[in-house]
PDB file of N, CA and C in Angstrom:
ATOM      1  N   MET A   1      15.527  -9.212  24.096  1.00  0.00           N
ATOM      2  CA  MET A   1      15.750  -8.002  24.477  1.00  0.00           C
ATOM      3  C   MET A   1      16.270  -7.143  23.357  1.00  0.00           C
ATOM      4  N   GLU A   2      17.139  -7.660  22.438  1.00  0.00           N
ATOM      5  CA  GLU A   2      17.717  -7.073  21.493  1.00  0.00           C
ATOM      6  C   GLU A   2      16.517  -6.545  20.585  1.00  0.00           C
ATOM      7  N   ARG A   3      15.665  -7.035  20.280  1.00  0.00           N
ATOM      8  CA  ARG A   3      14.336  -6.729  19.466  1.00  0.00           C
ATOM      9  C   ARG A   3      13.753  -5.153  19.969  1.00  0.00           C
ATOM     10  N   GLU A   4      13.666  -5.535  21.397  1.00  0.00           N
ATOM     11  CA  GLU A   4      13.087  -4.191  22.026  1.00  0.00           C
ATOM     12  C   GLU A   4      14.173  -3.066  21.810  1.00  0.00           C
ATOM     13  N   ILE A   5      15.449  -3.212  21.927  1.00  0.00           N
ATOM     14  CA  ILE A   5      16.516  -2.176  22.093  1.00  0.00           C
ATOM     15  C   ILE A   5      16.440  -1.579  20.458  1.00  0.00           C
ATOM     16  N   LEU A   6      16.312  -2.418  19.607  1.00  0.00           N
ATOM     17  CA  LEU A   6      16.292  -2.051  17.981  1.00  0.00           C
ATOM     18  C   LEU A   6      15.184  -1.221  17.838  1.00  0.00           C
ATOM     19  N   LEU A   7      13.822  -1.623  18.282  1.00  0.00           N
ATOM     20  CA  LEU A   7      12.699  -0.683  18.340  1.00  0.00           C
ATOM     21  C   LEU A   7      12.763   0.399  18.964  1.00  0.00           C
ATOM     22  N   LYS A   8      13.340   0.642  20.262  1.00  0.00           N
ATOM     23  CA  LYS A   8      13.475   1.618  20.843  1.00  0.00           C
ATOM     24  C   LYS A   8      14.544   2.554  20.001  1.00  0.00           C
ATOM     25  N   ASN A   9      15.440   2.344  19.477  1.00  0.00           N
ATOM     26  CA  ASN A   9      16.649   3.071  18.847  1.00  0.00           C
ATOM     27  C   ASN A   9      15.670   3.616  17.468  1.00  0.00           C
ATOM     28  N   LEU A  10      15.000   2.930  16.744  1.00  0.00           N
ATOM     29  CA  LEU A  10      14.282   3.201  15.450  1.00  0.00           C
ATOM     30  C   LEU A  10      13.365   4.347  16.114  1.00  0.00           C
ATOM     31  N   VAL A  11      12.449   4.029  17.026  1.00  0.00           N
ATOM     32  CA  VAL A  11      11.353   5.019  17.292  1.00  0.00           C
ATOM     33  C   VAL A  11      12.115   6.221  17.723  1.00  0.00           C
ATOM     34  N   CYS A  12      13.003   6.319  18.585  1.00  0.00           N
ATOM     35  CA  CYS A  12      13.845   7.524  19.034  1.00  0.00           C
ATOM     36  C   CYS A  12      14.238   8.212  17.961  1.00  0.00           C
ATOM     37  N   SER A  13      14.868   7.548  17.140  1.00  0.00           N
ATOM     38  CA  SER A  13      15.458   8.350  15.638  1.00  0.00           C
ATOM     39  C   SER A  13      14.439   8.965  15.056  1.00  0.00           C
ATOM     40  N   LEU A  14      13.307   8.472  14.817  1.00  0.00           N
ATOM     41  CA  LEU A  14      12.271   9.063  14.016  1.00  0.00           C
ATOM     42  C   LEU A  14      11.655  10.115  14.808  1.00  0.00           C
ATOM     43  N   ASP A  15      11.437  10.124  16.102  1.00  0.00           N
ATOM     44  CA  ASP A  15      11.057  11.074  16.860  1.00  0.00           C
ATOM     45  C   ASP A  15      11.871  12.247  16.908  1.00  0.00           C
ATOM     46  N   LYS A  16      13.157  11.934  17.164  1.00  0.00           N
ATOM     47  CA  LYS A  16      13.936  13.140  17.121  1.00  0.00           C
ATOM     48  C   LYS A  16      14.276  13.803  15.809  1.00  0.00           C
ATOM     49  N   HIS A  17      13.793  13.325  14.594  1.00  0.00           N
ATOM     50  CA  HIS A  17      14.098  14.001  13.412  1.00  0.00           C
ATOM     51  C   HIS A  17      12.581  14.470  12.845  1.00  0.00           C
ATOM     52  N   LYS A  18      11.527  14.509  13.888  1.00  0.00           N
ATOM     53  CA  LYS A  18      10.371  15.187  13.655  1.00  0.00           C
ATOM     54  C   LYS A  18       9.394  14.278  12.728  1.00  0.00           C
ATOM     55  N   ALA A  19       9.510  12.998  12.829  1.00  0.00           N
ATOM     56  CA  ALA A  19       8.490  12.238  12.154  1.00  0.00           C
ATOM     57  C   ALA A  19       7.228  12.613  12.743  1.00  0.00           C
ATOM     58  N   ALA A  20       6.100  12.412  11.931  1.00  0.00           N
ATOM     59  CA  ALA A  20       4.756  12.679  12.411  1.00  0.00           C
ATOM     60  C   ALA A  20       4.065  11.416  12.780  1.00  0.00           C
ATOM     61  N   ASP A  21       3.169  11.330  13.675  1.00  0.00           N
ATOM     62  CA  ASP A  21       2.206  10.346  13.996  1.00  0.00           C
ATOM     63  C   ASP A  21       2.865   9.201  13.916  1.00  0.00           C
ATOM     64  N   ILE A  22       3.808   8.798  14.814  1.00  0.00           N
ATOM     65  CA  ILE A  22       4.393   7.389  14.863  1.00  0.00           C
ATOM     66  C   ILE A  22       3.714   6.507  15.548  1.00  0.00           C
ATOM     67  N   LYS A  23       3.369   5.365  14.939  1.00  0.00           N
ATOM     68  CA  LYS A  23       2.606   4.086  15.709  1.00  0.00           C
ATOM     69  C   LYS A  23       3.418   2.989  15.722  1.00  0.00           C
ATOM     70  N   ILE A  24       3.315   2.143  16.501  1.00  0.00           N
ATOM     71  CA  ILE A  24       4.163   0.832  16.818  1.00  0.00           C
ATOM     72  C   ILE A  24       2.776  -0.210  17.000  1.00  0.00           C
ATOM     73  N   LEU A  25       2.920  -1.200  15.985  1.00  0.00           N
ATOM     74  CA  LEU A  25       2.018  -2.306  16.083  1.00  0.00           C
ATOM     75  C   LEU A  25       2.718  -3.527  16.174  1.00  0.00           C
ATOM     76  N   ARG A  26       2.504  -4.120  17.293  1.00  0.00           N
ATOM     77  CA  ARG A  26       2.889  -5.592  17.543  1.00  0.00           C
ATOM     78  C   ARG A  26       2.010  -6.624  16.651  1.00  0.00           C
ATOM     79  N   VAL A  27       2.733  -7.056  15.735  1.00  0.00           N
ATOM     80  CA  VAL A  27       2.079  -8.055  14.664  1.00  0.00           C
ATOM     81  C   VAL A  27       2.322  -9.384  14.833  1.00  0.00           C
ATOM     82  N   THR A  28       3.134  -9.647  15.782  1.00  0.00           N
ATOM     83  CA  THR A  28       3.585 -11.253  15.958  1.00  0.00           C
ATOM     84  C   THR A  28       2.376 -12.272  15.972  1.00  0.00           C
ATOM     85  N   GLU A  29       1.510 -11.647  16.466  1.00  0.00           N
ATOM     86  CA  GLU A  29       0.034 -12.753  16.461  1.00  0.00           C
ATOM     87  C   GLU A  29      -0.474 -12.737  15.295  1.00  0.00           C
ATOM     88  N   VAL A  30      -0.533 -11.822  14.470  1.00  0.00           N
ATOM     89  CA  VAL A  30      -1.327 -11.657  13.104  1.00  0.00           C
ATOM     90  C   VAL A  30      -0.480 -11.811  11.909  1.00  0.00           C
ATOM     91  N   SER A  31       0.872 -12.073  11.868  1.00  0.00           N
ATOM     92  CA  SER A  31       1.628 -11.983  10.749  1.00  0.00           C
ATOM     93  C   SER A  31       3.084 -12.719  11.180  1.00  0.00           C
ATOM     94  N   SER A  32       3.518 -13.383  10.029  1.00  0.00           N
ATOM     95  CA  SER A  32       4.848 -13.851  10.034  1.00  0.00           C
ATOM     96  C   SER A  32       5.862 -12.980   9.543  1.00  0.00           C
ATOM     97  N   LEU A  33       5.380 -11.877   9.135  1.00  0.00           N
ATOM     98  CA  LEU A  33       6.445 -10.961   8.283  1.00  0.00           C
ATOM     99  C   LEU A  33       7.597 -10.162   9.255  1.00  0.00           C
ATOM    100  N   ALA A  34       7.017  -9.942  10.498  1.00  0.00           N
ATOM    101  CA  ALA A  34       7.821  -9.277  11.424  1.00  0.00           C
ATOM    102  C   ALA A  34       7.153  -9.466  12.871  1.00  0.00           C
ATOM    103  N   ASP A  35       7.807  -8.895  13.842  1.00  0.00           N
ATOM    104  CA  ASP A  35       7.177  -8.626  15.038  1.00  0.00           C
ATOM    105  C   ASP A  35       6.281  -7.479  15.196  1.00  0.00           C
ATOM    106  N   TYR A  36       7.234  -6.425  14.768  1.00  0.00           N
ATOM    107  CA  TYR A  36       6.686  -4.960  14.975  1.00  0.00           C
ATOM    108  C   TYR A  36       6.378  -4.505  13.594  1.00  0.00           C
ATOM    109  N   PHE A  37       5.653  -3.350  13.397  1.00  0.00           N
ATOM    110  CA  PHE A  37       5.770  -2.612  12.392  1.00  0.00           C
ATOM    111  C   PHE A  37       5.644  -0.974  13.048  1.00  0.00           C
ATOM    112  N   VAL A  38       6.502  -0.322  12.631  1.00  0.00           N
ATOM    113  CA  VAL A  38       6.602   1.027  12.953  1.00  0.00           C
ATOM    114  C   VAL A  38       5.961   1.903  11.803  1.00  0.00           C
ATOM    115  N   ILE A  39       5.097   2.860  12.121  1.00  0.00           N
ATOM    116  CA  ILE A  39       4.503   3.561  10.967  1.00  0.00           C
ATOM    117  C   ILE A  39       4.783   4.933  11.265  1.00  0.00           C
ATOM    118  N   ALA A  40       5.248   5.835  10.442  1.00  0.00           N
ATOM    119  CA  ALA A  40       5.519   7.142  10.842  1.00  0.00           C
ATOM    120  C   ALA A  40       5.214   8.040   9.478  1.00  0.00           C
ATOM    121  N   GLY A  41       5.221   9.223   9.594  1.00  0.00           N
ATOM    122  CA  GLY A  41       4.949  10.054   8.532  1.00  0.00           C
ATOM    123  C   GLY A  41       5.907  11.375   8.040  1.00  0.00           C
ATOM    124  N   GLY A  42       6.073  11.754   6.904  1.00  0.00           N
ATOM    125  CA  GLY A  42       6.712  12.849   6.786  1.00  0.00           C
ATOM    126  C   GLY A  42       5.872  13.645   5.760  1.00  0.00           C
ATOM    127  N   THR A  43       6.077  14.840   5.695  1.00  0.00           N
ATOM    128  CA  THR A  43       5.373  16.107   4.895  1.00  0.00           C
ATOM    129  C   THR A  43       5.681  16.138   3.548  1.00  0.00           C
ATOM    130  N   SER A  44       6.702  15.589   3.047  1.00  0.00           N
ATOM    131  CA  SER A  44       7.245  15.534   1.655  1.00  0.00           C
ATOM    132  C   SER A  44       8.040  14.483   1.341  1.00  0.00           C
ATOM    133  N   SER A  45       8.299  14.259   0.094  1.00  0.00           N
ATOM    134  CA  SER A  45       9.295  13.156  -0.508  1.00  0.00           C
ATOM    135  C   SER A  45      10.698  13.270   0.359  1.00  0.00           C
ATOM    136  N   THR A  46      11.007  14.888   0.356  1.00  0.00           N
ATOM    137  CA  THR A  46      12.463  15.150   0.967  1.00  0.00           C
ATOM    138  C   THR A  46      12.708  14.666   2.430  1.00  0.00           C
ATOM    139  N   GLN A  47      11.600  14.792   3.269  1.00  0.00           N
ATOM    140  CA  GLN A  47      11.296  14.458   4.563  1.00  0.00           C
ATOM    141  C   GLN A  47      11.448  13.029   4.692  1.00  0.00           C
ATOM    142  N   VAL A  48      10.556  12.391   4.085  1.00  0.00           N
ATOM    143  CA  VAL A  48      10.541  10.981   3.945  1.00  0.00           C
ATOM    144  C   VAL A  48      11.919  10.148   3.808  1.00  0.00           C
ATOM    145  N   ARG A  49      12.641  10.748   2.744  1.00  0.00           N
ATOM    146  CA  ARG A  49      13.884  10.122   2.185  1.00  0.00           C
ATOM    147  C   ARG A  49      14.998  10.529   3.525  1.00  0.00           C
ATOM    148  N   ALA A  50      14.754  11.908   4.179  1.00  0.00           N
ATOM    149  CA  ALA A  50      15.459  12.254   5.100  1.00  0.00           C
ATOM    150  C   ALA A  50      15.456  11.269   6.449  1.00  0.00           C
ATOM    151  N   LEU A  51      14.217  10.983   6.702  1.00  0.00           N
ATOM    152  CA  LEU A  51      13.760  10.354   7.812  1.00  0.00           C
ATOM    153  C   LEU A  51      14.424   8.818   7.632  1.00  0.00           C
ATOM    154  N   ALA A  52      14.411   8.150   6.482  1.00  0.00           N
ATOM    155  CA  ALA A  52      14.992   6.900   6.132  1.00  0.00           C
ATOM    156  C   ALA A  52      16.516   7.067   6.385  1.00  0.00           C
ATOM    157  N   ASP A  53      17.055   8.062   5.775  1.00  0.00           N
ATOM    158  CA  ASP A  53      18.551   8.360   5.928  1.00  0.00           C
ATOM    159  C   ASP A  53      18.912   8.182   7.460  1.00  0.00           C
ATOM    160  N   TYR A  54      18.202   9.013   8.309  1.00  0.00           N
ATOM    161  CA  TYR A  54      18.763   9.088   9.698  1.00  0.00           C
ATOM    162  C   TYR A  54      18.501   7.827  10.437  1.00  0.00           C
ATOM    163  N   VAL A  55      17.493   7.045  10.073  1.00  0.00           N
ATOM    164  CA  VAL A  55      17.255   5.945  10.819  1.00  0.00           C
ATOM    165  C   VAL A  55      18.408   4.934  10.302  1.00  0.00           C
ATOM    166  N   GLU A  56      18.694   4.960   9.122  1.00  0.00           N
ATOM    167  CA  GLU A  56      19.726   3.891   8.474  1.00  0.00           C
ATOM    168  C   GLU A  56      20.883   4.395   9.011  1.00  0.00           C
ATOM    169  N   PHE A  57      21.235   5.587   8.976  1.00  0.00           N
ATOM    170  CA  PHE A  57      22.673   5.933   9.612  1.00  0.00           C
ATOM    171  C   PHE A  57      22.758   5.684  10.995  1.00  0.00           C
ATOM    172  N   GLU A  58      21.957   6.139  11.554  1.00  0.00           N
ATOM    173  CA  GLU A  58      21.990   5.971  13.274  1.00  0.00           C
ATOM    174  C   GLU A  58      22.047   4.693  13.722  1.00  0.00           C
ATOM    175  N   LEU A  59      21.336   3.462  12.946  1.00  0.00           N
ATOM    176  CA  LEU A  59      21.463   2.193  13.131  1.00  0.00           C
ATOM    177  C   LEU A  59      22.774   1.613  12.762  1.00  0.00           C
ATOM    178  N   GLY A  60      23.077   2.151  11.390  1.00  0.00           N
ATOM    179  CA  GLY A  60      24.219   1.722  10.859  1.00  0.00           C
ATOM    180  C   GLY A  60      25.562   1.910  11.677  1.00  0.00           C
ATOM    181  N   GLN A  61      25.370   2.971  12.672  1.00  0.00           N
ATOM    182  CA  GLN A  61      26.599   3.500  13.540  1.00  0.00           C
ATOM    183  C   GLN A  61      26.816   2.384  14.545  1.00  0.00           C
ATOM    184  N   GLN A  62      25.650   1.671  14.789  1.00  0.00           N
ATOM    185  CA  GLN A  62      25.672   0.703  15.999  1.00  0.00           C
ATOM    186  C   GLN A  62      25.830  -0.618  15.201  1.00  0.00           C
ATOM    187  N   GLY A  63      26.212  -0.744  13.898  1.00  0.00           N
ATOM    188  CA  GLY A  63      26.438  -2.152  13.372  1.00  0.00           C
ATOM    189  C   GLY A  63      25.198  -2.798  12.790  1.00  0.00           C
ATOM    190  N   VAL A  64      23.853  -2.061  12.784  1.00  0.00           N
ATOM    191  CA  VAL A  64      22.769  -2.723  12.444  1.00  0.00           C
ATOM    192  C   VAL A  64      22.298  -1.970  11.036  1.00  0.00           C
ATOM    193  N   ASN A  65      22.366  -2.847  10.094  1.00  0.00           N
ATOM    194  CA  ASN A  65      21.686  -2.516   8.982  1.00  0.00           C
ATOM    195  C   ASN A  65      20.656  -3.310   8.244  1.00  0.00           C
ATOM    196  N   PRO A  66      19.717  -2.578   7.455  1.00  0.00           N
ATOM    197  CA  PRO A  66      18.381  -3.054   7.074  1.00  0.00           C
ATOM    198  C   PRO A  66      18.604  -4.106   6.059  1.00  0.00           C
ATOM    199  N   LEU A  67      17.788  -5.169   6.204  1.00  0.00           N
ATOM    200  CA  LEU A  67      17.765  -6.252   5.251  1.00  0.00           C
ATOM    201  C   LEU A  67      17.675  -6.039   3.900  1.00  0.00           C
ATOM    202  N   ARG A  68      16.524  -4.934   3.775  1.00  0.00           N
ATOM    203  CA  ARG A  68      16.435  -4.124   2.456  1.00  0.00           C
ATOM    204  C   ARG A  68      15.624  -3.022   2.637  1.00  0.00           C
ATOM    205  N   ILE A  69      15.717  -2.041   1.644  1.00  0.00           N
ATOM    206  CA  ILE A  69      15.067  -0.867   1.560  1.00  0.00           C
ATOM    207  C   ILE A  69      14.216  -0.824   0.252  1.00  0.00           C
ATOM    208  N   GLU A  70      12.941  -0.228   0.415  1.00  0.00           N
ATOM    209  CA  GLU A  70      12.193  -0.253  -0.764  1.00  0.00           C
ATOM    210  C   GLU A  70      11.466   1.215  -0.707  1.00  0.00           C
ATOM    211  N   GLY A  71      11.341   1.563  -2.029  1.00  0.00           N
ATOM    212  CA  GLY A  71      10.492   2.941  -1.958  1.00  0.00           C
ATOM    213  C   GLY A  71      11.511   4.091  -1.837  1.00  0.00           C
ATOM    214  N   TYR A  72      12.558   3.945  -1.685  1.00  0.00           N
ATOM    215  CA  TYR A  72      13.524   5.297  -1.511  1.00  0.00           C
ATOM    216  C   TYR A  72      13.589   6.383  -2.334  1.00  0.00           C
ATOM    217  N   GLN A  73      13.472   5.755  -3.877  1.00  0.00           N
ATOM    218  CA  GLN A  73      13.707   6.781  -4.889  1.00  0.00           C
ATOM    219  C   GLN A  73      12.354   7.716  -5.039  1.00  0.00           C
ATOM    220  N   THR A  74      11.168   7.283  -4.962  1.00  0.00           N
ATOM    221  CA  THR A  74      10.015   7.818  -4.967  1.00  0.00           C
ATOM    222  C   THR A  74       9.781   8.507  -3.681  1.00  0.00           C
ATOM    223  N   ALA A  75       9.986   8.006  -2.566  1.00  0.00           N
ATOM    224  CA  ALA A  75       9.885   8.395  -1.322  1.00  0.00           C
ATOM    225  C   ALA A  75       8.394   8.715  -0.754  1.00  0.00           C
ATOM    226  N   GLN A  76       7.490   8.040  -1.562  1.00  0.00           N
ATOM    227  CA  GLN A  76       5.882   8.236  -1.352  1.00  0.00           C
ATOM    228  C   GLN A  76       5.647   7.341   0.084  1.00  0.00           C
ATOM    229  N   TRP A  77       6.354   6.091   0.058  1.00  0.00           N
ATOM    230  CA  TRP A  77       6.265   5.069   1.064  1.00  0.00           C
ATOM    231  C   TRP A  77       7.788   4.435   0.924  1.00  0.00           C
ATOM    232  N   THR A  78       8.395   4.760   1.897  1.00  0.00           N
ATOM    233  CA  THR A  78       9.644   3.920   2.252  1.00  0.00           C
ATOM    234  C   THR A  78       9.641   3.125   3.211  1.00  0.00           C
ATOM    235  N   LEU A  79      10.177   1.897   2.980  1.00  0.00           N
ATOM    236  CA  LEU A  79      10.191   0.704   3.877  1.00  0.00           C
ATOM    237  C   LEU A  79      11.636   0.243   4.362  1.00  0.00           C
ATOM    238  N   LEU A  80      11.918   0.168   5.615  1.00  0.00           N
ATOM    239  CA  LEU A  80      13.252  -0.445   5.928  1.00  0.00           C
ATOM    240  C   LEU A  80      12.906  -1.596   6.743  1.00  0.00           C
ATOM    241  N   ASP A  81      13.348  -2.804   6.205  1.00  0.00           N
ATOM    242  CA  ASP A  81      13.048  -4.077   6.820  1.00  0.00           C
ATOM    243  C   ASP A  81      14.282  -4.402   7.782  1.00  0.00           C
ATOM    244  N   TYR A  82      14.099  -4.297   9.059  1.00  0.00           N
ATOM    245  CA  TYR A  82      14.994  -4.835   9.879  1.00  0.00           C
ATOM    246  C   TYR A  82      14.896  -6.342  10.593  1.00  0.00           C
ATOM    247  N   GLY A  83      14.187  -7.122   9.762  1.00  0.00           N
ATOM    248  CA  GLY A  83      13.701  -8.428  10.140  1.00  0.00           C
ATOM    249  C   GLY A  83      12.685  -8.519  11.203  1.00  0.00           C
ATOM    250  N   SER A  84      12.929  -8.442  12.379  1.00  0.00           N
ATOM    251  CA  SER A  84      11.738  -8.342  13.395  1.00  0.00           C
ATOM    252  C   SER A  84      10.969  -7.130  13.335  1.00  0.00           C
ATOM    253  N   VAL A  85      11.661  -6.118  12.895  1.00  0.00           N
ATOM    254  CA  VAL A  85      10.904  -4.723  12.935  1.00  0.00           C
ATOM    255  C   VAL A  85      10.894  -4.145  11.573  1.00  0.00           C
ATOM    256  N   VAL A  86       9.896  -3.709  10.770  1.00  0.00           N
ATOM    257  CA  VAL A  86       9.653  -3.168   9.544  1.00  0.00           C
ATOM    258  C   VAL A  86       9.264  -1.653   9.862  1.00  0.00           C
ATOM    259  N   VAL A  87       9.854  -0.723   9.362  1.00  0.00           N
ATOM    260  CA  VAL A  87       9.658   0.552   9.477  1.00  0.00           C
ATOM    261  C   VAL A  87       9.043   1.091   7.952  1.00  0.00           C
ATOM    262  N   HIS A  88       7.818   1.938   8.175  1.00  0.00           N
ATOM    263  CA  HIS A  88       7.166   2.214   7.077  1.00  0.00           C
ATOM    264  C   HIS A  88       7.096   3.927   7.314  1.00  0.00           C
ATOM    265  N   ILE A  89       7.636   4.346   6.343  1.00  0.00           N
ATOM    266  CA  ILE A  89       7.544   5.922   6.369  1.00  0.00           C
ATOM    267  C   ILE A  89       6.799   6.584   5.282  1.00  0.00           C
ATOM    268  N   PHE A  90       5.752   7.169   5.540  1.00  0.00           N
ATOM    269  CA  PHE A  90       4.684   7.595   4.378  1.00  0.00           C
ATOM    270  C   PHE A  90       4.670   9.103   4.444  1.00  0.00           C
ATOM    271  N   GLN A  91       4.390   9.587   3.235  1.00  0.00           N
ATOM    272  CA  GLN A  91       3.819  10.903   2.996  1.00  0.00           C
ATOM    273  C   GLN A  91       2.451  11.048   3.282  1.00  0.00           C
ATOM    274  N   GLU A  92       1.920  12.071   4.016  1.00  0.00           N
ATOM    275  CA  GLU A  92       0.390  11.713   4.511  1.00  0.00           C
ATOM    276  C   GLU A  92      -0.363  11.299   3.709  1.00  0.00           C
ATOM    277  N   ASN A  93      -0.699  11.619   2.179  1.00  0.00           N
ATOM    278  CA  ASN A  93      -1.638  11.206   1.462  1.00  0.00           C
ATOM    279  C   ASN A  93      -1.447   9.703   1.139  1.00  0.00           C
ATOM    280  N   THR A  94      -0.233   9.401   0.903  1.00  0.00           N
ATOM    281  CA  THR A  94       0.007   7.907   0.714  1.00  0.00           C
ATOM    282  C   THR A  94      -0.333   7.084   2.031  1.00  0.00           C
ATOM    283  N   ARG A  95      -0.120   7.708   3.167  1.00  0.00           N
ATOM    284  CA  ARG A  95      -0.455   6.935   4.274  1.00  0.00           C
ATOM    285  C   ARG A  95      -1.782   6.870   4.453  1.00  0.00           C
ATOM    286  N   SER A  96      -2.514   7.623   4.162  1.00  0.00           N
ATOM    287  CA  SER A  96      -4.294   7.892   4.360  1.00  0.00           C
ATOM    288  C   SER A  96      -4.845   6.804   3.292  1.00  0.00           C
ATOM    289  N   PHE A  97      -3.968   6.784   1.921  1.00  0.00           N
ATOM    290  CA  PHE A  97      -4.626   5.854   1.024  1.00  0.00           C
ATOM    291  C   PHE A  97      -4.407   4.568   1.340  1.00  0.00           C
ATOM    292  N   TYR A  98      -3.164   3.976   2.023  1.00  0.00           N
ATOM    293  CA  TYR A  98      -2.874   2.732   2.154  1.00  0.00           C
ATOM    294  C   TYR A  98      -3.586   2.279   3.644  1.00  0.00           C
ATOM    295  N   ASP A  99      -3.640   3.140   4.613  1.00  0.00           N
ATOM    296  CA  ASP A  99      -4.137   2.953   5.768  1.00  0.00           C
ATOM    297  C   ASP A  99      -3.707   1.606   6.421  1.00  0.00           C
ATOM    298  N   LEU A 100      -2.386   1.554   6.898  1.00  0.00           N
ATOM    299  CA  LEU A 100      -1.871   0.260   7.292  1.00  0.00           C
ATOM    300  C   LEU A 100      -2.561   0.045   8.762  1.00  0.00           C
ATOM    301  N   GLU A 101      -2.758   1.108   9.443  1.00  0.00           N
ATOM    302  CA  GLU A 101      -3.323   0.849  10.761  1.00  0.00           C
ATOM    303  C   GLU A 101      -4.639   0.348  10.500  1.00  0.00           C
ATOM    304  N   ARG A 102      -5.562   0.465   9.537  1.00  0.00           N
ATOM    305  CA  ARG A 102      -6.796  -0.079   9.593  1.00  0.00           C
ATOM    306  C   ARG A 102      -6.714  -1.488   8.777  1.00  0.00           C
ATOM    307  N   LEU A 103      -5.820  -1.790   8.136  1.00  0.00           N
ATOM    308  CA  LEU A 103      -5.478  -3.013   7.257  1.00  0.00           C
ATOM    309  C   LEU A 103      -4.894  -4.057   8.617  1.00  0.00           C
ATOM    310  N   TRP A 104      -4.132  -3.496   9.429  1.00  0.00           N
ATOM    311  CA  TRP A 104      -3.518  -4.440  10.494  1.00  0.00           C
ATOM    312  C   TRP A 104      -4.268  -4.206  11.745  1.00  0.00           C
ATOM    313  N   GLN A 105      -5.559  -3.865  11.759  1.00  0.00           N
ATOM    314  CA  GLN A 105      -6.541  -3.438  13.028  1.00  0.00           C
ATOM    315  C   GLN A 105      -6.257  -4.512  14.040  1.00  0.00           C
ATOM    316  N   ASP A 106      -6.210  -5.927  13.592  1.00  0.00           N
ATOM    317  CA  ASP A 106      -6.161  -7.012  14.578  1.00  0.00           C
ATOM    318  C   ASP A 106      -4.810  -6.874  15.288  1.00  0.00           C
ATOM    319  N   ALA A 107      -3.892  -6.127  14.989  1.00  0.00           N
ATOM    320  CA  ALA A 107      -2.582  -5.925  15.764  1.00  0.00           C
ATOM    321  C   ALA A 107      -2.706  -5.169  16.832  1.00  0.00           C
ATOM    322  N   GLU A 108      -1.956  -5.542  17.945  1.00  0.00           N
ATOM    323  CA  GLU A 108      -1.675  -4.639  19.121  1.00  0.00           C
ATOM    324  C   GLU A 108      -1.103  -3.302  18.929  1.00  0.00           C
ATOM    325  N   GLU A 109      -1.473  -2.110  19.263  1.00  0.00           N
ATOM    326  CA  GLU A 109      -1.007  -1.013  19.263  1.00  0.00           C
ATOM    327  C   GLU A 109      -0.154  -0.877  20.667  1.00  0.00           C
ATOM    328  N   VAL A 110       1.005  -0.687  20.424  1.00  0.00           N
ATOM    329  CA  VAL A 110       2.032  -0.324  21.534  1.00  0.00           C
ATOM    330  C   VAL A 110       2.298   0.992  21.917  1.00  0.00           C
ATOM    331  N   GLU A 111       1.985   1.315  23.133  1.00  0.00           N
ATOM    332  CA  GLU A 111       2.341   2.970  23.656  1.00  0.00           C
ATOM    333  C   GLU A 111       3.631   3.255  23.094  1.00  0.00           C
ATOM    334  N   LEU A 112       3.611   4.517  22.255  1.00  0.00           N
ATOM    335  CA  LEU A 112       4.748   5.017  21.745  1.00  0.00           C
ATOM    336  C   LEU A 112       5.565   5.554  23.296  1.00  0.00           C
ATOM    337  N   LEU A 113       5.108   5.830  23.999  1.00  0.00           N
ATOM    338  CA  LEU A 113       6.080   6.537  25.240  1.00  0.00           C
ATOM    339  C   LEU A 113       6.871   5.445  25.955  1.00  0.00           C
ATOM    340  N   THR A 114       6.227   4.270  25.708  1.00  0.00           N
ATOM    341  CA  THR A 114       7.384   3.091  26.415  1.00  0.00           C
ATOM    342  C   THR A 114       8.720   3.019  25.630  1.00  0.00           C
ATOM    343  N   PHE A 115       8.886   3.449  24.543  1.00  0.00           N
ATOM    344  CA  PHE A 115      10.011   3.196  23.719  1.00  0.00           C
ATOM    345  C   PHE A 115      10.815   4.757  23.507  1.00  0.00           C
ATOM    346  N   LEU A 116      10.163   5.853  23.973  1.00  0.00           N
ATOM    347  CA  LEU A 116      10.989   7.105  23.970  1.00  0.00           C
ATOM    348  C   LEU A 116      11.660   7.414  25.061  1.00  0.00           C
ATOM    349  N   ASP A 117      12.890   8.155  24.644  1.00  0.00           N
ATOM    350  CA  ASP A 117      13.753   8.597  25.793  1.00  0.00           C
ATOM    351  C   ASP A 117      12.963   9.694  26.605  1.00  0.00           C
ATOM    352  N   ASN A 118      13.327   9.841  27.810  1.00  0.00           N
ATOM    353  CA  ASN A 118      12.878  11.086  28.652  1.00  0.00           C
ATOM    354  C   ASN A 118      13.885  12.236  28.367  1.00  0.00           C
ATOM    355  N   GLY A 119      14.214  12.522  27.356  1.00  0.00           N
ATOM    356  CA  GLY A 119      14.843  13.905  27.156  1.00  0.00           C
ATOM    357  C   GLY A 119      16.245  13.671  27.076  1.00  0.00           C
ATOM    358  N   ASP A 120      16.717  12.265  27.219  1.00  0.00           N
ATOM    359  CA  ASP A 120      18.228  12.284  27.039  1.00  0.00           C
ATOM    360  C   ASP A 120      18.584  11.576  25.592  1.00  0.00           C
ATOM    361  N   ASP A 121      19.821  11.670  25.256  1.00  0.00           N
ATOM    362  CA  ASP A 121      20.176  11.250  23.897  1.00  0.00           C
ATOM    363  C   ASP A 121      21.046  10.054  24.116  1.00  0.00           C
ATOM    364  N   ASN A 122      20.988   9.441  25.117  1.00  0.00           N
ATOM    365  CA  ASN A 122      21.831   8.294  25.462  1.00  0.00           C
ATOM    366  C   ASN A 122      21.040   7.115  24.790  1.00  0.00           C
ATOM    367  N   HIS A 123      21.158   6.644  23.677  1.00  0.00           N
ATOM    368  CA  HIS A 123      20.285   5.434  23.292  1.00  0.00           C
ATOM    369  C   HIS A 123      20.928   4.046  23.572  1.00  0.00           C
ATOM    370  N   GLU A 124      20.523   3.275  23.982  1.00  0.00           N
ATOM    371  CA  GLU A 124      20.991   1.807  24.243  1.00  0.00           C
ATOM    372  C   GLU A 124      21.767   1.292  22.747  1.00  0.00           C
ATOM    373  N   LYS A 125      22.646   0.626  22.938  1.00  0.00           N
ATOM    374  CA  LYS A 125      23.503   0.058  21.735  1.00  0.00           C
ATOM    375  C   LYS A 125      22.777  -1.265  21.591  1.00  0.00           C
ATOM    376  N   VAL A 126      22.434  -1.543  20.229  1.00  0.00           N
ATOM    377  CA  VAL A 126      21.830  -2.783  19.928  1.00  0.00           C
ATOM    378  C   VAL A 126      23.248  -3.936  19.784  1.00  0.00           C
TER     379      VAL A 126
END
């Protein structure tokens, strides 16, 4: 259950801070890297960095810190590794170039609305 709460809080944070085109891929069956990939977009390096900051801060407030962060300085593709959930935040052109959705097309796409709040700001604690 903890993994699903983590995923919900990540997705809600990205959505609340206006990440574009959020996708959730369940990669458990096709990869040993993680259980889920969350893929989201930002319109600029500033927004990509800000989205990563919001996610890291909001989860950090709950005592959950990423195992590692990659790509923060250039902010073309920033990766936040939370173990069972890996967050990929891309600028639009970089996302199109790497096309993780196609690369991981054997993964199951999870319905985003399953993890979004219905207008309330009361996120569950991890």
